[in-house]
Amino acid sequence: MTATAMTGGQNAVLSKRVIAGIVGGLAGGVVFGMMMAMMGMLATIAGMLGSGSPVVGFLIHMMISAFIGAVFGVVVGNRAGTLGKGALLGVVNGVVWWILGPIIIMPTMMGMGLQFGNMFSGPNLLSLMGHMVYGVIAGLGYVWYLNRK
């Protein structure tokens, strides 16, 4: 067997981690989505697809939340064995995706260029807070799902 081949048991573990990440990501996404709705940010998210609809923005946000959660599950693996570690790793993940998402990827997609000069402006600080809340909830949801019977 090669180093890259996986057994059925390894595939099952990886699948469970991906599913746990998606569950956590969706839970965090709902809370962060509500925060974004209160701040009027969902239309901005919808703008990535040329829409101004907050509903479209929420759906895009939830798809991104599920994807980020799945990546979290693959990357973190079994390092988040407790709720405390899950929350800590989740908040780190949230900060990383805050830099990747609203500072790099989203503004680039929308023709605004990188936002490093505006990282600590009011709206971006609110976004950082939302990403951290997302991360904590996603990390807790991840650990909960992995440890449930």
C-alpha atoms as a PDB file:
ATOM      1  CA  MET A   1       0.000   0.000   0.000  1.00  0.00           C
ATOM      2  CA  THR A   2       1.328   3.463  -0.868  1.00  0.00           C
ATOM      3  CA  ALA A   3       1.622   6.286   1.609  1.00  0.00           C
ATOM      4  CA  THR A   4      -1.295   8.067  -0.019  1.00  0.00           C
ATOM      5  CA  ALA A   5      -3.685   5.102  -0.043  1.00  0.00           C
ATOM      6  CA  MET A   6      -6.360   5.180   2.647  1.00  0.00           C
ATOM      7  CA  THR A   7      -8.131   2.296   4.262  1.00  0.00           C
ATOM      8  CA  GLY A   8     -11.901   2.219   4.697  1.00  0.00           C
ATOM      9  CA  GLY A   9     -11.447   3.138   8.353  1.00  0.00           C
ATOM     10  CA  GLN A  10      -9.346   6.175   7.482  1.00  0.00           C
ATOM     11  CA  ASN A  11     -11.934   7.269   4.918  1.00  0.00           C
ATOM     12  CA  ALA A  12     -14.661   6.945   7.538  1.00  0.00           C
ATOM     13  CA  VAL A  13     -12.682   9.075  10.011  1.00  0.00           C
ATOM     14  CA  LEU A  14     -12.012  11.723   7.354  1.00  0.00           C
ATOM     15  CA  SER A  15     -15.672  11.695   6.297  1.00  0.00           C
ATOM     16  CA  LYS A  16     -16.802  12.141   9.900  1.00  0.00           C
ATOM     17  CA  ARG A  17     -14.394  15.079  10.314  1.00  0.00           C
ATOM     18  CA  VAL A  18     -15.679  16.713   7.135  1.00  0.00           C
ATOM     19  CA  ILE A  19     -19.300  16.237   8.228  1.00  0.00           C
ATOM     20  CA  ALA A  20     -18.481  17.537  11.723  1.00  0.00           C
ATOM     21  CA  GLY A  21     -16.826  20.559  10.135  1.00  0.00           C
ATOM     22  CA  ILE A  22     -19.863  21.217   7.952  1.00  0.00           C
ATOM     23  CA  VAL A  23     -22.204  20.895  10.959  1.00  0.00           C
ATOM     24  CA  GLY A  24     -20.076  23.301  12.981  1.00  0.00           C
ATOM     25  CA  GLY A  25     -19.660  25.622  10.011  1.00  0.00           C
ATOM     26  CA  LEU A  26     -23.396  25.804   9.402  1.00  0.00           C
ATOM     27  CA  ALA A  27     -24.075  26.481  13.094  1.00  0.00           C
ATOM     28  CA  GLY A  28     -21.511  29.275  13.119  1.00  0.00           C
ATOM     29  CA  GLY A  29     -22.810  30.488   9.767  1.00  0.00           C
ATOM     30  CA  VAL A  30     -26.358  30.910  11.062  1.00  0.00           C
ATOM     31  CA  VAL A  31     -25.206  33.057  13.999  1.00  0.00           C
ATOM     32  CA  PHE A  32     -22.761  35.079  11.906  1.00  0.00           C
ATOM     33  CA  GLY A  33     -25.423  35.414   9.207  1.00  0.00           C
ATOM     34  CA  MET A  34     -27.829  36.923  11.733  1.00  0.00           C
ATOM     35  CA  MET A  35     -25.115  39.362  12.791  1.00  0.00           C
ATOM     36  CA  MET A  36     -24.486  40.255   9.141  1.00  0.00           C
ATOM     37  CA  ALA A  37     -28.217  40.767   8.573  1.00  0.00           C
ATOM     38  CA  MET A  38     -28.404  43.175  11.524  1.00  0.00           C
ATOM     39  CA  MET A  39     -25.435  45.121  10.113  1.00  0.00           C
ATOM     40  CA  GLY A  40     -26.875  45.192   6.588  1.00  0.00           C
ATOM     41  CA  MET A  41     -23.945  43.250   5.135  1.00  0.00           C
ATOM     42  CA  LEU A  42     -25.770  40.449   3.314  1.00  0.00           C
ATOM     43  CA  ALA A  43     -26.403  42.531   0.195  1.00  0.00           C
ATOM     44  CA  THR A  44     -22.645  43.103  -0.042  1.00  0.00           C
ATOM     45  CA  ILE A  45     -22.076  39.335   0.005  1.00  0.00           C
ATOM     46  CA  ALA A  46     -24.725  38.948  -2.708  1.00  0.00           C
ATOM     47  CA  GLY A  47     -22.745  41.445  -4.769  1.00  0.00           C
ATOM     48  CA  MET A  48     -20.116  38.773  -5.351  1.00  0.00           C
ATOM     49  CA  LEU A  49     -22.630  37.194  -7.741  1.00  0.00           C
ATOM     50  CA  GLY A  50     -23.986  40.466  -9.070  1.00  0.00           C
ATOM     51  CA  SER A  51     -27.065  40.480  -6.845  1.00  0.00           C
ATOM     52  CA  GLY A  52     -28.203  42.896  -4.171  1.00  0.00           C
ATOM     53  CA  SER A  53     -30.578  40.502  -2.445  1.00  0.00           C
ATOM     54  CA  PRO A  54     -29.955  39.820   1.250  1.00  0.00           C
ATOM     55  CA  VAL A  55     -31.495  36.344   0.754  1.00  0.00           C
ATOM     56  CA  VAL A  56     -28.959  35.557  -1.964  1.00  0.00           C
ATOM     57  CA  GLY A  57     -26.246  36.957   0.312  1.00  0.00           C
ATOM     58  CA  PHE A  58     -27.348  34.684   3.145  1.00  0.00           C
ATOM     59  CA  LEU A  59     -27.363  31.615   0.875  1.00  0.00           C
ATOM     60  CA  ILE A  60     -23.868  32.442  -0.405  1.00  0.00           C
ATOM     61  CA  HIS A  61     -22.720  33.021   3.164  1.00  0.00           C
ATOM     62  CA  MET A  62     -24.088  29.634   4.270  1.00  0.00           C
ATOM     63  CA  MET A  63     -22.363  27.818   1.395  1.00  0.00           C
ATOM     64  CA  ILE A  64     -19.097  29.517   2.300  1.00  0.00           C
ATOM     65  CA  SER A  65     -19.671  28.653   5.976  1.00  0.00           C
ATOM     66  CA  ALA A  66     -20.156  24.964   5.134  1.00  0.00           C
ATOM     67  CA  PHE A  67     -17.040  24.932   2.922  1.00  0.00           C
ATOM     68  CA  ILE A  68     -14.894  26.636   5.583  1.00  0.00           C
ATOM     69  CA  GLY A  69     -16.241  24.189   8.171  1.00  0.00           C
ATOM     70  CA  ALA A  70     -15.313  21.209   5.973  1.00  0.00           C
ATOM     71  CA  VAL A  71     -11.786  22.583   5.501  1.00  0.00           C
ATOM     72  CA  PHE A  72     -11.572  23.111   9.262  1.00  0.00           C
ATOM     73  CA  GLY A  73     -12.483  19.453   9.847  1.00  0.00           C
ATOM     74  CA  VAL A  74      -9.793  18.223   7.466  1.00  0.00           C
ATOM     75  CA  VAL A  75      -7.070  20.550   8.763  1.00  0.00           C
ATOM     76  CA  VAL A  76      -7.801  20.300  12.491  1.00  0.00           C
ATOM     77  CA  GLY A  77      -8.500  16.573  12.577  1.00  0.00           C
ATOM     78  CA  ASN A  78      -8.283  15.237  16.103  1.00  0.00           C
ATOM     79  CA  ARG A  79      -6.396  18.233  17.532  1.00  0.00           C
ATOM     80  CA  ALA A  80      -9.703  19.701  18.749  1.00  0.00           C
ATOM     81  CA  GLY A  81     -10.546  16.943  21.216  1.00  0.00           C
ATOM     82  CA  THR A  82     -12.113  19.202  23.851  1.00  0.00           C
ATOM     83  CA  LEU A  83     -14.580  22.062  23.665  1.00  0.00           C
ATOM     84  CA  GLY A  84     -11.863  24.485  24.808  1.00  0.00           C
ATOM     85  CA  LYS A  85      -9.467  23.402  22.071  1.00  0.00           C
ATOM     86  CA  GLY A  86     -12.280  23.437  19.531  1.00  0.00           C
ATOM     87  CA  ALA A  87     -13.209  27.006  20.465  1.00  0.00           C
ATOM     88  CA  LEU A  88      -9.569  28.144  20.386  1.00  0.00           C
ATOM     89  CA  LEU A  89      -8.812  26.511  17.048  1.00  0.00           C
ATOM     90  CA  GLY A  90     -12.126  27.813  15.747  1.00  0.00           C
ATOM     91  CA  VAL A  91     -11.331  31.412  16.633  1.00  0.00           C
ATOM     92  CA  VAL A  92      -7.914  31.082  14.966  1.00  0.00           C
ATOM     93  CA  ASN A  93      -9.679  29.675  11.901  1.00  0.00           C
ATOM     94  CA  GLY A  94     -12.096  32.611  11.968  1.00  0.00           C
ATOM     95  CA  VAL A  95      -9.247  35.128  12.006  1.00  0.00           C
ATOM     96  CA  VAL A  96      -7.483  33.345   9.134  1.00  0.00           C
ATOM     97  CA  TRP A  97     -10.680  33.381   7.052  1.00  0.00           C
ATOM     98  CA  TRP A  98     -11.301  37.026   7.959  1.00  0.00           C
ATOM     99  CA  ILE A  99      -7.984  37.844   6.298  1.00  0.00           C
ATOM    100  CA  LEU A 100      -8.632  35.525   3.356  1.00  0.00           C
ATOM    101  CA  GLY A 101     -12.296  36.466   2.822  1.00  0.00           C
ATOM    102  CA  PRO A 102     -13.131  40.150   3.325  1.00  0.00           C
ATOM    103  CA  ILE A 103      -9.545  41.399   3.138  1.00  0.00           C
ATOM    104  CA  ILE A 104      -8.275  39.428   0.115  1.00  0.00           C
ATOM    105  CA  ILE A 105     -10.761  37.261  -1.833  1.00  0.00           C
ATOM    106  CA  MET A 106     -14.069  39.132  -1.739  1.00  0.00           C
ATOM    107  CA  PRO A 107     -12.731  42.633  -2.514  1.00  0.00           C
ATOM    108  CA  THR A 108     -10.565  41.215  -5.283  1.00  0.00           C
ATOM    109  CA  MET A 109     -13.596  39.465  -6.804  1.00  0.00           C
ATOM    110  CA  MET A 110     -15.525  42.727  -6.654  1.00  0.00           C
ATOM    111  CA  GLY A 111     -12.757  44.815  -8.252  1.00  0.00           C
ATOM    112  CA  MET A 112     -11.925  46.740  -5.066  1.00  0.00           C
ATOM    113  CA  GLY A 113      -8.399  45.387  -4.629  1.00  0.00           C
ATOM    114  CA  LEU A 114      -6.807  44.120  -1.445  1.00  0.00           C
ATOM    115  CA  GLN A 115      -8.060  45.722   1.751  1.00  0.00           C
ATOM    116  CA  PHE A 116      -4.966  45.511   3.967  1.00  0.00           C
ATOM    117  CA  GLY A 117      -4.960  49.307   4.379  1.00  0.00           C
ATOM    118  CA  ASN A 118      -8.517  49.148   5.719  1.00  0.00           C
ATOM    119  CA  MET A 119      -8.143  46.057   7.897  1.00  0.00           C
ATOM    120  CA  PHE A 120      -8.789  47.894  11.115  1.00  0.00           C
ATOM    121  CA  SER A 121     -11.509  50.266   9.939  1.00  0.00           C
ATOM    122  CA  GLY A 122     -14.919  50.104  11.647  1.00  0.00           C
ATOM    123  CA  PRO A 123     -16.672  47.745   9.203  1.00  0.00           C
ATOM    124  CA  ASN A 124     -13.703  45.392   8.989  1.00  0.00           C
ATOM    125  CA  LEU A 125     -13.405  45.270  12.784  1.00  0.00           C
ATOM    126  CA  LEU A 126     -17.071  44.261  12.943  1.00  0.00           C
ATOM    127  CA  SER A 127     -16.325  41.626  10.321  1.00  0.00           C
ATOM    128  CA  LEU A 128     -13.388  40.376  12.405  1.00  0.00           C
ATOM    129  CA  MET A 129     -15.660  40.060  15.428  1.00  0.00           C
ATOM    130  CA  GLY A 130     -18.218  38.156  13.358  1.00  0.00           C
ATOM    131  CA  HIS A 131     -15.566  35.801  11.988  1.00  0.00           C
ATOM    132  CA  MET A 132     -14.310  35.133  15.512  1.00  0.00           C
ATOM    133  CA  VAL A 133     -17.841  34.388  16.746  1.00  0.00           C
ATOM    134  CA  TYR A 134     -18.318  32.128  13.709  1.00  0.00           C
ATOM    135  CA  GLY A 135     -15.050  30.346  14.532  1.00  0.00           C
ATOM    136  CA  VAL A 136     -15.889  29.705  18.173  1.00  0.00           C
ATOM    137  CA  ILE A 137     -19.317  28.300  17.324  1.00  0.00           C
ATOM    138  CA  ALA A 138     -17.946  26.259  14.411  1.00  0.00           C
ATOM    139  CA  GLY A 139     -15.191  24.830  16.619  1.00  0.00           C
ATOM    140  CA  LEU A 140     -17.645  23.945  19.386  1.00  0.00           C
ATOM    141  CA  GLY A 141     -20.033  22.368  16.868  1.00  0.00           C
ATOM    142  CA  TYR A 142     -17.171  20.380  15.362  1.00  0.00           C
ATOM    143  CA  VAL A 143     -16.145  18.917  18.722  1.00  0.00           C
ATOM    144  CA  TRP A 144     -19.760  18.280  19.710  1.00  0.00           C
ATOM    145  CA  TYR A 145     -20.430  16.334  16.511  1.00  0.00           C
ATOM    146  CA  LEU A 146     -17.238  14.287  16.777  1.00  0.00           C
ATOM    147  CA  ASN A 147     -17.921  13.351  20.402  1.00  0.00           C
ATOM    148  CA  ARG A 148     -21.645  12.601  20.162  1.00  0.00           C
ATOM    149  CA  LYS A 149     -22.770   9.017  20.559  1.00  0.00           C
END
